[in-house]
Amino acid sequence: MLRVQRIVYHTSTEIRSELAWIESLITEDIVVTPRPVADGEGRLLSQIVLNGSPRYRRTIFRILQAFPQRKTQFVIGGE
């Protein structure tokens, strides 16, 4: 999945903070979410340059594969 952000909308620091938070959610097994993917130079965030000027930032996320839902049994009442 490709996400494109306008340069003026969020700073690189804000986006990197969000990417670190997503990695933390994945590492701590809090939620299943697409993992950010680094580009060929190891960057999770890079610029898109148009006409010699940076216009956008981009991040790529790995697409999640579908998996069967876990069956959960709830016990009400204690026994």
C-alpha atoms as a PDB file:
ATOM      1  CA  MET A   1       0.000   0.000   0.000  1.00  0.00           C
ATOM      2  CA  LEU A   2       1.414   3.388  -0.937  1.00  0.00           C
ATOM      3  CA  ARG A   3       0.646   6.443   1.180  1.00  0.00           C
ATOM      4  CA  VAL A   4       1.493   9.894  -0.169  1.00  0.00           C
ATOM      5  CA  GLN A   5       1.597  12.968   2.103  1.00  0.00           C
ATOM      6  CA  ARG A   6       1.774  16.587   1.046  1.00  0.00           C
ATOM      7  CA  ILE A   7       4.946  18.335   2.241  1.00  0.00           C
ATOM      8  CA  VAL A   8       2.952  21.111   3.936  1.00  0.00           C
ATOM      9  CA  TYR A   9       0.516  18.817   5.776  1.00  0.00           C
ATOM     10  CA  HIS A  10       2.770  16.970   8.269  1.00  0.00           C
ATOM     11  CA  THR A  11       6.464  17.331   9.054  1.00  0.00           C
ATOM     12  CA  SER A  12       8.925  14.500   8.497  1.00  0.00           C
ATOM     13  CA  THR A  13       9.346  14.297  12.277  1.00  0.00           C
ATOM     14  CA  GLU A  14       5.592  13.785  12.758  1.00  0.00           C
ATOM     15  CA  ILE A  15       5.450  11.064  10.104  1.00  0.00           C
ATOM     16  CA  ARG A  16       8.533   9.275  11.476  1.00  0.00           C
ATOM     17  CA  SER A  17       6.960   9.394  14.944  1.00  0.00           C
ATOM     18  CA  GLU A  18       3.817   7.775  13.568  1.00  0.00           C
ATOM     19  CA  LEU A  19       5.884   5.074  11.817  1.00  0.00           C
ATOM     20  CA  ALA A  20       7.766   4.353  15.072  1.00  0.00           C
ATOM     21  CA  TRP A  21       4.429   4.085  16.897  1.00  0.00           C
ATOM     22  CA  ILE A  22       3.139   1.630  14.272  1.00  0.00           C
ATOM     23  CA  GLU A  23       6.315  -0.467  14.618  1.00  0.00           C
ATOM     24  CA  SER A  24       5.817  -0.460  18.402  1.00  0.00           C
ATOM     25  CA  LEU A  25       2.223  -1.673  18.040  1.00  0.00           C
ATOM     26  CA  ILE A  26       3.443  -4.521  15.841  1.00  0.00           C
ATOM     27  CA  THR A  27       6.445  -5.430  18.021  1.00  0.00           C
ATOM     28  CA  GLU A  28       4.397  -5.468  21.222  1.00  0.00           C
ATOM     29  CA  ASP A  29       1.667  -7.508  19.490  1.00  0.00           C
ATOM     30  CA  ILE A  30      -0.990  -4.950  20.446  1.00  0.00           C
ATOM     31  CA  VAL A  31      -2.771  -4.835  17.113  1.00  0.00           C
ATOM     32  CA  VAL A  32      -2.407  -6.380  13.661  1.00  0.00           C
ATOM     33  CA  THR A  33      -1.529  -3.594  11.259  1.00  0.00           C
ATOM     34  CA  PRO A  34       0.426  -3.236   8.007  1.00  0.00           C
ATOM     35  CA  ARG A  35       4.178  -2.920   8.605  1.00  0.00           C
ATOM     36  CA  PRO A  36       6.050   0.020   7.039  1.00  0.00           C
ATOM     37  CA  VAL A  37       8.502  -1.107   4.348  1.00  0.00           C
ATOM     38  CA  ALA A  38      11.874   0.571   3.775  1.00  0.00           C
ATOM     39  CA  ASP A  39      12.897   1.652   0.288  1.00  0.00           C
ATOM     40  CA  GLY A  40      16.057   0.418  -1.443  1.00  0.00           C
ATOM     41  CA  GLU A  41      18.135   2.850   0.622  1.00  0.00           C
ATOM     42  CA  GLY A  42      16.658   1.741   3.950  1.00  0.00           C
ATOM     43  CA  ARG A  43      14.324   4.731   4.425  1.00  0.00           C
ATOM     44  CA  LEU A  44      10.761   4.362   5.656  1.00  0.00           C
ATOM     45  CA  LEU A  45       9.979   7.890   4.481  1.00  0.00           C
ATOM     46  CA  SER A  46      11.212   9.483   1.268  1.00  0.00           C
ATOM     47  CA  GLN A  47      10.434  12.513  -0.864  1.00  0.00           C
ATOM     48  CA  ILE A  48       8.802  12.658  -4.256  1.00  0.00           C
ATOM     49  CA  VAL A  49      10.396  15.418  -6.324  1.00  0.00           C
ATOM     50  CA  LEU A  50       8.501  17.073  -9.191  1.00  0.00           C
ATOM     51  CA  ASN A  51      10.108  19.676 -11.456  1.00  0.00           C
ATOM     52  CA  GLY A  52      13.184  19.722  -9.204  1.00  0.00           C
ATOM     53  CA  SER A  53      11.229  20.540  -6.032  1.00  0.00           C
ATOM     54  CA  PRO A  54      10.128  18.215  -3.218  1.00  0.00           C
ATOM     55  CA  ARG A  55       6.318  18.070  -3.329  1.00  0.00           C
ATOM     56  CA  TYR A  56       5.296  14.945  -1.437  1.00  0.00           C
ATOM     57  CA  ARG A  57       6.537  12.350   1.023  1.00  0.00           C
ATOM     58  CA  ARG A  58       5.786   8.691   0.610  1.00  0.00           C
ATOM     59  CA  THR A  59       5.629   5.630   2.806  1.00  0.00           C
ATOM     60  CA  ILE A  60       4.924   2.060   1.779  1.00  0.00           C
ATOM     61  CA  PHE A  61       3.173  -0.532   3.914  1.00  0.00           C
ATOM     62  CA  ARG A  62       3.097  -4.296   3.534  1.00  0.00           C
ATOM     63  CA  ILE A  63      -0.366  -5.590   2.671  1.00  0.00           C
ATOM     64  CA  LEU A  64      -1.851  -7.887   5.298  1.00  0.00           C
ATOM     65  CA  GLN A  65      -2.923 -11.331   4.208  1.00  0.00           C
ATOM     66  CA  ALA A  66      -6.302 -12.532   5.312  1.00  0.00           C
ATOM     67  CA  PHE A  67      -6.257 -15.012   8.158  1.00  0.00           C
ATOM     68  CA  PRO A  68      -8.991 -17.029   9.839  1.00  0.00           C
ATOM     69  CA  GLN A  69     -10.623 -15.421  12.833  1.00  0.00           C
ATOM     70  CA  ARG A  70      -9.848 -16.929  16.214  1.00  0.00           C
ATOM     71  CA  LYS A  71     -12.767 -18.529  17.960  1.00  0.00           C
ATOM     72  CA  THR A  72     -13.078 -17.137  21.444  1.00  0.00           C
ATOM     73  CA  GLN A  73     -15.229 -18.645  24.143  1.00  0.00           C
ATOM     74  CA  PHE A  74     -16.640 -16.346  26.783  1.00  0.00           C
ATOM     75  CA  VAL A  75     -17.568 -17.698  30.201  1.00  0.00           C
ATOM     76  CA  ILE A  76     -20.192 -15.782  32.114  1.00  0.00           C
ATOM     77  CA  GLY A  77     -20.759 -16.415  35.779  1.00  0.00           C
ATOM     78  CA  GLY A  78     -17.487 -17.970  36.913  1.00  0.00           C
ATOM     79  CA  GLU A  79     -17.944 -21.741  36.392  1.00  0.00           C
END
